[in-house]
Structures are given as C-alpha cells and as structure tokens.
Amino acid sequence: MKEGAIRPKAVCVVRRGAEFLVSGAVDSVKGERFYGPLGGGIEFGEHAADAVRREMMEELGAEIVDVRPLGVLENLFTYEGRPGHEIVFVFAARFADASLYGRDELRWTESDGTEWRAEWLPLDFFADGGPPLYPTGLRELLEQDPSS
C-alpha cells in the first residue's frame, strides 16, 4: 500500500453456526496477534461486491453466493510501525461449496509465496481481553447482525 494513501478494501464474513472464518497475522513491532475476515483491495473500476467475490476466488478458489452488504468501516491503524488508512466494505456471504464448512482450516498461498491459514472462531473469542479483530468496529457490526 502506498504510504499516505487511503486503501479501499472489501472483506467477506462467512459464518459456520456461531463461528466466523478469519485469518490471523502478527505485527512484529507491536508483538500483537490479530485477526480479520478474508478479502483485499478493490481495484479501480471494480465494485466492492465484485472485489470480495474475486478475492475469495483468488485466496481460496471458492465461489461465494448470497453476497450482501453489512456496512462500511473506516480503519486507521499502525502495522509494522507504518500508519495505514482503509475504507472497508464488509459483506456477508456463504460458500457455494458446502464441503468447505467441514474443514477446520483453509490454507492458501499468495502470489508472492506468503502462506496463509484461515480458521473458524466464535465472535466471543474477540471479546474484551481477546485478540483484536480488524477492521476496527467489525465485532460491533457483527453483534448487531447475528444473521451474518
């Protein structure tokens, strides 16, 4: 991400009962482990809903259906010692392939070779004292929409 630029992003909340699919990462500067739903940047000329479909296909090779908007969040943060600013379109969806719900974790490799893992965690895992769930405000947004 270009420093000083606001990044438009789309993320997908996929639910398995009381659990949500999230991926974890570590900020080595803060020594903090944090989590967030899968997704990524919105390309110029691309609608946010199309971006979230593309990102889920790129990351997991998974088609999502019943895509619906949950809200838009603004995320100001510091990661690896550098400031960031995102406008995040949050969508709920479900996997077209029901077999994905039977897997405890989903793995993928980015084009740069970085390996990632997503897992199903309950929302209360991120309650006060738990690890952060980003973007900021996501936990509260999901608490308002229990059907997500």
N, C-alpha and C. Protein backbone atom coordinates (compact mmCIF):
# COMPACT_ATOMS: atom_id res chain seq x y z
N MET A 1 0.85 -1.18 0.00
CA MET A 1 0.00 0.00 0.00
C MET A 1 0.89 1.24 0.00
N LYS A 2 0.54 2.19 -0.82
CA LYS A 2 1.30 3.43 -0.92
C LYS A 2 1.10 4.24 0.36
N GLU A 3 2.22 4.68 0.95
CA GLU A 3 2.14 5.45 2.19
C GLU A 3 1.41 6.77 1.94
N GLY A 4 0.51 7.12 2.85
CA GLY A 4 -0.25 8.34 2.74
C GLY A 4 -1.51 8.21 1.90
N ALA A 5 -1.77 7.00 1.38
CA ALA A 5 -2.96 6.78 0.56
C ALA A 5 -4.01 6.03 1.37
N ILE A 6 -5.26 6.31 1.07
CA ILE A 6 -6.37 5.57 1.67
C ILE A 6 -6.65 4.37 0.77
N ARG A 7 -6.71 3.20 1.36
CA ARG A 7 -6.91 1.97 0.59
C ARG A 7 -8.37 1.53 0.68
N PRO A 8 -9.05 1.41 -0.45
CA PRO A 8 -10.40 0.82 -0.44
C PRO A 8 -10.27 -0.70 -0.40
N LYS A 9 -11.04 -1.32 0.46
CA LYS A 9 -10.91 -2.75 0.71
C LYS A 9 -12.30 -3.37 0.85
N ALA A 10 -12.44 -4.65 0.50
CA ALA A 10 -13.68 -5.39 0.68
C ALA A 10 -13.35 -6.69 1.40
N VAL A 11 -14.13 -7.01 2.44
CA VAL A 11 -13.91 -8.24 3.19
C VAL A 11 -15.20 -9.04 3.25
N CYS A 12 -15.04 -10.35 3.44
CA CYS A 12 -16.17 -11.27 3.43
C CYS A 12 -16.30 -12.00 4.75
N VAL A 13 -17.45 -11.85 5.38
CA VAL A 13 -17.75 -12.57 6.62
C VAL A 13 -18.53 -13.82 6.22
N VAL A 14 -17.92 -14.96 6.47
CA VAL A 14 -18.56 -16.25 6.23
C VAL A 14 -18.78 -16.89 7.59
N ARG A 15 -19.98 -17.33 7.83
CA ARG A 15 -20.35 -17.87 9.14
C ARG A 15 -20.58 -19.38 9.05
N ARG A 16 -20.14 -20.08 10.10
CA ARG A 16 -20.42 -21.51 10.28
C ARG A 16 -21.03 -21.64 11.66
N GLY A 17 -22.33 -21.60 11.72
CA GLY A 17 -23.01 -21.61 13.02
C GLY A 17 -22.65 -20.34 13.77
N ALA A 18 -22.08 -20.49 14.97
CA ALA A 18 -21.68 -19.34 15.78
C ALA A 18 -20.24 -18.89 15.50
N GLU A 19 -19.60 -19.52 14.52
CA GLU A 19 -18.21 -19.20 14.21
C GLU A 19 -18.10 -18.42 12.89
N PHE A 20 -17.00 -17.68 12.77
CA PHE A 20 -16.71 -16.89 11.59
C PHE A 20 -15.34 -17.28 11.05
N LEU A 21 -15.18 -17.22 9.74
CA LEU A 21 -13.91 -17.55 9.12
C LEU A 21 -13.00 -16.32 9.17
N VAL A 22 -11.86 -16.47 9.84
CA VAL A 22 -10.91 -15.37 9.97
C VAL A 22 -9.49 -15.89 9.74
N SER A 23 -8.63 -14.98 9.40
CA SER A 23 -7.22 -15.28 9.23
C SER A 23 -6.42 -14.44 10.21
N GLY A 24 -5.40 -15.02 10.79
CA GLY A 24 -4.58 -14.31 11.76
C GLY A 24 -3.25 -13.87 11.18
N ALA A 25 -2.69 -12.84 11.79
CA ALA A 25 -1.37 -12.33 11.41
C ALA A 25 -0.73 -11.74 12.65
N VAL A 26 0.55 -11.44 12.57
CA VAL A 26 1.28 -10.87 13.69
C VAL A 26 1.95 -9.58 13.26
N ASP A 27 1.79 -8.54 14.07
CA ASP A 27 2.54 -7.30 13.90
C ASP A 27 3.79 -7.47 14.75
N SER A 28 4.94 -7.66 14.11
CA SER A 28 6.16 -7.95 14.86
C SER A 28 6.65 -6.74 15.66
N VAL A 29 6.30 -5.54 15.25
CA VAL A 29 6.70 -4.34 16.00
C VAL A 29 5.94 -4.26 17.32
N LYS A 30 4.64 -4.48 17.26
CA LYS A 30 3.81 -4.44 18.46
C LYS A 30 3.85 -5.75 19.25
N GLY A 31 4.26 -6.83 18.58
CA GLY A 31 4.21 -8.14 19.21
C GLY A 31 2.78 -8.59 19.42
N GLU A 32 1.90 -8.22 18.49
CA GLU A 32 0.47 -8.45 18.64
C GLU A 32 -0.04 -9.39 17.55
N ARG A 33 -0.79 -10.41 17.98
CA ARG A 33 -1.50 -11.26 17.02
C ARG A 33 -2.90 -10.69 16.86
N PHE A 34 -3.37 -10.60 15.61
CA PHE A 34 -4.69 -10.05 15.33
C PHE A 34 -5.34 -10.88 14.24
N TYR A 35 -6.63 -10.69 14.06
CA TYR A 35 -7.41 -11.46 13.10
C TYR A 35 -8.30 -10.56 12.27
N GLY A 36 -8.75 -11.09 11.14
CA GLY A 36 -9.70 -10.39 10.30
C GLY A 36 -10.28 -11.32 9.26
N PRO A 37 -11.41 -10.95 8.68
CA PRO A 37 -12.01 -11.77 7.63
C PRO A 37 -11.19 -11.68 6.35
N LEU A 38 -11.40 -12.61 5.46
CA LEU A 38 -10.67 -12.63 4.20
C LEU A 38 -11.20 -11.55 3.26
N GLY A 39 -10.34 -11.08 2.41
CA GLY A 39 -10.70 -10.06 1.44
C GLY A 39 -9.44 -9.35 0.97
N GLY A 40 -9.63 -8.18 0.38
CA GLY A 40 -8.48 -7.44 -0.10
C GLY A 40 -8.88 -6.17 -0.81
N GLY A 41 -7.94 -5.61 -1.51
CA GLY A 41 -8.13 -4.32 -2.15
C GLY A 41 -9.13 -4.34 -3.28
N ILE A 42 -9.80 -3.21 -3.43
CA ILE A 42 -10.73 -3.01 -4.54
C ILE A 42 -9.94 -2.35 -5.67
N GLU A 43 -10.01 -2.93 -6.85
CA GLU A 43 -9.29 -2.38 -7.99
C GLU A 43 -10.07 -1.24 -8.61
N PHE A 44 -9.38 -0.33 -9.28
CA PHE A 44 -10.03 0.79 -9.95
C PHE A 44 -11.07 0.27 -10.93
N GLY A 45 -12.28 0.82 -10.87
CA GLY A 45 -13.35 0.43 -11.76
C GLY A 45 -14.12 -0.81 -11.32
N GLU A 46 -13.76 -1.38 -10.18
CA GLU A 46 -14.38 -2.60 -9.68
C GLU A 46 -15.35 -2.26 -8.55
N HIS A 47 -16.52 -2.83 -8.57
CA HIS A 47 -17.46 -2.67 -7.46
C HIS A 47 -16.97 -3.49 -6.28
N ALA A 48 -17.25 -3.02 -5.07
CA ALA A 48 -16.79 -3.69 -3.86
C ALA A 48 -17.29 -5.13 -3.78
N ALA A 49 -18.54 -5.38 -4.14
CA ALA A 49 -19.08 -6.75 -4.09
C ALA A 49 -18.34 -7.66 -5.08
N ASP A 50 -17.97 -7.12 -6.23
CA ASP A 50 -17.20 -7.92 -7.19
C ASP A 50 -15.80 -8.18 -6.66
N ALA A 51 -15.23 -7.21 -5.96
CA ALA A 51 -13.90 -7.38 -5.38
C ALA A 51 -13.89 -8.50 -4.35
N VAL A 52 -14.92 -8.56 -3.51
CA VAL A 52 -14.94 -9.59 -2.48
C VAL A 52 -15.12 -10.97 -3.11
N ARG A 53 -15.90 -11.06 -4.18
CA ARG A 53 -16.04 -12.34 -4.90
C ARG A 53 -14.69 -12.75 -5.50
N ARG A 54 -14.02 -11.80 -6.13
CA ARG A 54 -12.71 -12.08 -6.75
C ARG A 54 -11.68 -12.49 -5.70
N GLU A 55 -11.63 -11.77 -4.59
CA GLU A 55 -10.66 -12.09 -3.54
C GLU A 55 -10.87 -13.48 -2.96
N MET A 56 -12.11 -13.87 -2.74
CA MET A 56 -12.37 -15.21 -2.19
C MET A 56 -11.99 -16.28 -3.20
N MET A 57 -12.18 -15.99 -4.47
CA MET A 57 -11.77 -16.95 -5.51
C MET A 57 -10.25 -17.02 -5.58
N GLU A 58 -9.58 -15.86 -5.55
CA GLU A 58 -8.11 -15.84 -5.61
C GLU A 58 -7.49 -16.51 -4.40
N GLU A 59 -8.02 -16.23 -3.22
CA GLU A 59 -7.41 -16.74 -2.00
C GLU A 59 -7.74 -18.21 -1.74
N LEU A 60 -8.99 -18.57 -1.90
CA LEU A 60 -9.41 -19.93 -1.52
C LEU A 60 -9.83 -20.78 -2.71
N GLY A 61 -9.96 -20.16 -3.89
CA GLY A 61 -10.51 -20.89 -5.02
C GLY A 61 -11.97 -21.21 -4.78
N ALA A 62 -12.63 -20.37 -3.97
CA ALA A 62 -14.00 -20.64 -3.55
C ALA A 62 -14.97 -19.60 -4.08
N GLU A 63 -16.07 -20.09 -4.64
CA GLU A 63 -17.14 -19.20 -5.07
C GLU A 63 -18.02 -18.90 -3.85
N ILE A 64 -18.41 -17.62 -3.73
CA ILE A 64 -19.34 -17.25 -2.67
C ILE A 64 -20.67 -16.83 -3.30
N VAL A 65 -21.75 -17.06 -2.54
CA VAL A 65 -23.09 -16.73 -3.01
C VAL A 65 -23.83 -15.98 -1.91
N ASP A 66 -24.97 -15.44 -2.28
CA ASP A 66 -25.80 -14.67 -1.34
C ASP A 66 -25.00 -13.53 -0.70
N VAL A 67 -24.22 -12.85 -1.50
CA VAL A 67 -23.39 -11.74 -1.03
C VAL A 67 -24.30 -10.55 -0.69
N ARG A 68 -24.16 -10.05 0.53
CA ARG A 68 -24.97 -8.89 0.93
C ARG A 68 -24.13 -7.97 1.81
N PRO A 69 -24.33 -6.67 1.65
CA PRO A 69 -23.54 -5.70 2.43
C PRO A 69 -23.97 -5.69 3.89
N LEU A 70 -22.99 -5.59 4.78
CA LEU A 70 -23.25 -5.44 6.21
C LEU A 70 -22.96 -4.02 6.68
N GLY A 71 -22.01 -3.36 6.03
CA GLY A 71 -21.68 -2.00 6.44
C GLY A 71 -20.34 -1.58 5.86
N VAL A 72 -19.96 -0.36 6.19
CA VAL A 72 -18.68 0.21 5.76
C VAL A 72 -17.98 0.72 7.01
N LEU A 73 -16.72 0.36 7.16
CA LEU A 73 -15.94 0.76 8.33
C LEU A 73 -14.69 1.51 7.89
N GLU A 74 -14.30 2.47 8.70
CA GLU A 74 -13.05 3.19 8.46
C GLU A 74 -12.03 2.67 9.45
N ASN A 75 -10.88 2.27 8.96
CA ASN A 75 -9.86 1.64 9.80
C ASN A 75 -8.57 2.45 9.73
N LEU A 76 -8.24 3.12 10.82
CA LEU A 76 -6.96 3.82 10.96
C LEU A 76 -6.10 2.96 11.87
N PHE A 77 -4.89 2.62 11.44
CA PHE A 77 -4.09 1.66 12.19
C PHE A 77 -2.61 1.89 11.95
N THR A 78 -1.82 1.20 12.74
CA THR A 78 -0.37 1.13 12.54
C THR A 78 -0.01 -0.34 12.44
N TYR A 79 0.68 -0.72 11.37
CA TYR A 79 1.10 -2.10 11.18
C TYR A 79 2.58 -2.09 10.81
N GLU A 80 3.34 -2.88 11.53
CA GLU A 80 4.79 -2.94 11.32
C GLU A 80 5.42 -1.54 11.39
N GLY A 81 4.88 -0.72 12.27
CA GLY A 81 5.43 0.61 12.50
C GLY A 81 5.02 1.67 11.49
N ARG A 82 4.16 1.31 10.54
CA ARG A 82 3.75 2.25 9.50
C ARG A 82 2.24 2.52 9.60
N PRO A 83 1.85 3.79 9.45
CA PRO A 83 0.43 4.11 9.53
C PRO A 83 -0.33 3.62 8.30
N GLY A 84 -1.59 3.24 8.52
CA GLY A 84 -2.45 2.81 7.44
C GLY A 84 -3.83 3.40 7.59
N HIS A 85 -4.54 3.50 6.50
CA HIS A 85 -5.90 4.05 6.50
C HIS A 85 -6.69 3.30 5.43
N GLU A 86 -7.76 2.64 5.85
CA GLU A 86 -8.59 1.86 4.93
C GLU A 86 -10.05 2.25 5.08
N ILE A 87 -10.76 2.20 3.98
CA ILE A 87 -12.22 2.24 3.97
C ILE A 87 -12.62 0.81 3.59
N VAL A 88 -13.31 0.14 4.50
CA VAL A 88 -13.57 -1.29 4.35
C VAL A 88 -15.05 -1.57 4.15
N PHE A 89 -15.39 -2.15 3.01
CA PHE A 89 -16.74 -2.60 2.71
C PHE A 89 -16.86 -4.02 3.25
N VAL A 90 -17.79 -4.23 4.18
CA VAL A 90 -17.95 -5.53 4.82
C VAL A 90 -19.18 -6.22 4.22
N PHE A 91 -18.98 -7.44 3.75
CA PHE A 91 -20.06 -8.24 3.16
C PHE A 91 -20.21 -9.54 3.91
N ALA A 92 -21.43 -10.04 3.98
CA ALA A 92 -21.70 -11.40 4.44
C ALA A 92 -21.97 -12.23 3.20
N ALA A 93 -21.57 -13.49 3.25
CA ALA A 93 -21.81 -14.40 2.13
C ALA A 93 -21.70 -15.83 2.66
N ARG A 94 -21.98 -16.75 1.77
CA ARG A 94 -21.77 -18.15 2.13
C ARG A 94 -21.07 -18.83 0.97
N PHE A 95 -20.40 -19.94 1.28
CA PHE A 95 -19.70 -20.70 0.25
C PHE A 95 -20.69 -21.46 -0.61
N ALA A 96 -20.47 -21.47 -1.92
CA ALA A 96 -21.28 -22.28 -2.82
C ALA A 96 -20.99 -23.76 -2.58
N ASP A 97 -19.77 -24.09 -2.25
CA ASP A 97 -19.35 -25.46 -1.98
C ASP A 97 -19.48 -25.74 -0.48
N ALA A 98 -20.54 -26.44 -0.10
CA ALA A 98 -20.81 -26.70 1.33
C ALA A 98 -19.72 -27.51 2.00
N SER A 99 -18.89 -28.23 1.25
CA SER A 99 -17.84 -29.05 1.87
C SER A 99 -16.80 -28.19 2.59
N LEU A 100 -16.68 -26.92 2.21
CA LEU A 100 -15.71 -26.05 2.87
C LEU A 100 -16.04 -25.82 4.34
N TYR A 101 -17.30 -25.93 4.69
CA TYR A 101 -17.71 -25.75 6.09
C TYR A 101 -17.25 -26.90 6.97
N GLY A 102 -16.94 -28.03 6.39
CA GLY A 102 -16.48 -29.19 7.15
C GLY A 102 -15.00 -29.17 7.45
N ARG A 103 -14.28 -28.21 6.89
CA ARG A 103 -12.83 -28.12 7.12
C ARG A 103 -12.56 -27.16 8.27
N ASP A 104 -11.71 -27.57 9.21
CA ASP A 104 -11.39 -26.73 10.36
C ASP A 104 -10.51 -25.55 10.00
N GLU A 105 -9.74 -25.70 8.93
CA GLU A 105 -8.93 -24.59 8.46
C GLU A 105 -8.84 -24.64 6.94
N LEU A 106 -8.61 -23.48 6.37
CA LEU A 106 -8.44 -23.34 4.93
C LEU A 106 -7.10 -22.66 4.71
N ARG A 107 -6.33 -23.16 3.77
CA ARG A 107 -4.99 -22.61 3.51
C ARG A 107 -4.88 -22.14 2.06
N TRP A 108 -4.03 -21.13 1.87
CA TRP A 108 -3.75 -20.66 0.52
C TRP A 108 -2.38 -19.98 0.51
N THR A 109 -1.86 -19.77 -0.70
CA THR A 109 -0.56 -19.13 -0.89
C THR A 109 -0.75 -17.92 -1.79
N GLU A 110 -0.28 -16.77 -1.35
CA GLU A 110 -0.35 -15.54 -2.16
C GLU A 110 0.63 -15.64 -3.32
N SER A 111 0.49 -14.77 -4.29
CA SER A 111 1.36 -14.78 -5.47
C SER A 111 2.83 -14.53 -5.11
N ASP A 112 3.07 -13.87 -3.95
CA ASP A 112 4.46 -13.63 -3.52
C ASP A 112 5.04 -14.79 -2.71
N GLY A 113 4.26 -15.87 -2.57
CA GLY A 113 4.73 -17.05 -1.84
C GLY A 113 4.34 -17.08 -0.37
N THR A 114 3.73 -16.02 0.13
CA THR A 114 3.30 -15.98 1.53
C THR A 114 2.17 -16.97 1.74
N GLU A 115 2.32 -17.81 2.78
CA GLU A 115 1.30 -18.80 3.09
C GLU A 115 0.39 -18.28 4.19
N TRP A 116 -0.91 -18.53 4.01
CA TRP A 116 -1.92 -18.06 4.96
C TRP A 116 -2.81 -19.21 5.38
N ARG A 117 -3.45 -19.02 6.54
CA ARG A 117 -4.38 -20.01 7.07
C ARG A 117 -5.57 -19.28 7.65
N ALA A 118 -6.75 -19.77 7.34
CA ALA A 118 -7.97 -19.22 7.92
C ALA A 118 -8.61 -20.30 8.79
N GLU A 119 -9.24 -19.87 9.86
CA GLU A 119 -9.88 -20.81 10.79
C GLU A 119 -11.21 -20.25 11.25
N TRP A 120 -12.02 -21.11 11.80
CA TRP A 120 -13.35 -20.73 12.29
C TRP A 120 -13.24 -20.41 13.77
N LEU A 121 -13.61 -19.20 14.16
CA LEU A 121 -13.57 -18.79 15.56
C LEU A 121 -14.89 -18.12 15.94
N PRO A 122 -15.33 -18.31 17.19
CA PRO A 122 -16.55 -17.63 17.63
C PRO A 122 -16.29 -16.16 17.88
N LEU A 123 -17.32 -15.35 17.74
CA LEU A 123 -17.18 -13.91 17.93
C LEU A 123 -16.73 -13.57 19.35
N ASP A 124 -17.16 -14.35 20.34
CA ASP A 124 -16.76 -14.03 21.72
C ASP A 124 -15.28 -14.27 21.98
N PHE A 125 -14.58 -14.95 21.06
CA PHE A 125 -13.12 -15.10 21.15
C PHE A 125 -12.45 -13.72 21.15
N PHE A 126 -13.12 -12.75 20.53
CA PHE A 126 -12.56 -11.40 20.38
C PHE A 126 -13.12 -10.42 21.40
N ALA A 127 -13.82 -10.93 22.40
CA ALA A 127 -14.38 -10.07 23.44
C ALA A 127 -13.25 -9.39 24.20
N ASP A 128 -13.60 -8.46 25.05
CA ASP A 128 -12.61 -7.70 25.82
C ASP A 128 -11.56 -8.63 26.40
N GLY A 129 -10.31 -8.29 26.15
CA GLY A 129 -9.19 -9.08 26.61
C GLY A 129 -8.70 -10.08 25.58
N GLY A 130 -9.50 -10.33 24.55
CA GLY A 130 -9.09 -11.24 23.49
C GLY A 130 -8.27 -10.50 22.45
N PRO A 131 -7.80 -11.23 21.45
CA PRO A 131 -7.02 -10.57 20.40
C PRO A 131 -7.89 -9.63 19.58
N PRO A 132 -7.29 -8.63 18.96
CA PRO A 132 -8.07 -7.69 18.13
C PRO A 132 -8.64 -8.37 16.89
N LEU A 133 -9.82 -7.91 16.51
CA LEU A 133 -10.47 -8.30 15.27
C LEU A 133 -10.57 -7.03 14.43
N TYR A 134 -9.93 -7.05 13.26
CA TYR A 134 -9.92 -5.88 12.40
C TYR A 134 -10.73 -6.14 11.14
N PRO A 135 -11.28 -5.13 10.52
CA PRO A 135 -11.09 -3.72 10.80
C PRO A 135 -11.79 -3.31 12.10
N THR A 136 -11.32 -2.21 12.65
CA THR A 136 -11.90 -1.66 13.86
C THR A 136 -13.41 -1.48 13.67
N GLY A 137 -14.17 -1.95 14.65
CA GLY A 137 -15.62 -1.84 14.60
C GLY A 137 -16.31 -3.07 14.04
N LEU A 138 -15.54 -4.05 13.53
CA LEU A 138 -16.15 -5.24 12.94
C LEU A 138 -16.92 -6.06 13.97
N ARG A 139 -16.34 -6.26 15.13
CA ARG A 139 -17.02 -7.07 16.16
C ARG A 139 -18.38 -6.46 16.49
N GLU A 140 -18.42 -5.15 16.67
CA GLU A 140 -19.67 -4.46 17.00
C GLU A 140 -20.67 -4.58 15.83
N LEU A 141 -20.18 -4.47 14.62
CA LEU A 141 -21.04 -4.61 13.45
C LEU A 141 -21.66 -6.03 13.39
N LEU A 142 -20.86 -7.04 13.68
CA LEU A 142 -21.36 -8.40 13.65
C LEU A 142 -22.32 -8.68 14.81
N GLU A 143 -22.09 -8.05 15.93
CA GLU A 143 -23.02 -8.21 17.06
C GLU A 143 -24.39 -7.64 16.74
N GLN A 144 -24.44 -6.62 15.90
CA GLN A 144 -25.71 -6.00 15.51
C GLN A 144 -26.46 -6.85 14.48
N ASP A 145 -25.74 -7.73 13.77
CA ASP A 145 -26.34 -8.54 12.72
C ASP A 145 -26.04 -10.01 12.98
N PRO A 146 -26.77 -10.65 13.88
CA PRO A 146 -26.48 -12.03 14.22
C PRO A 146 -26.67 -13.02 13.05
N SER A 147 -27.35 -12.59 12.00
CA SER A 147 -27.55 -13.49 10.85
C SER A 147 -26.36 -13.54 9.92
N SER A 148 -25.39 -12.64 10.13
CA SER A 148 -24.23 -12.60 9.24
C SER A 148 -23.43 -13.87 9.41
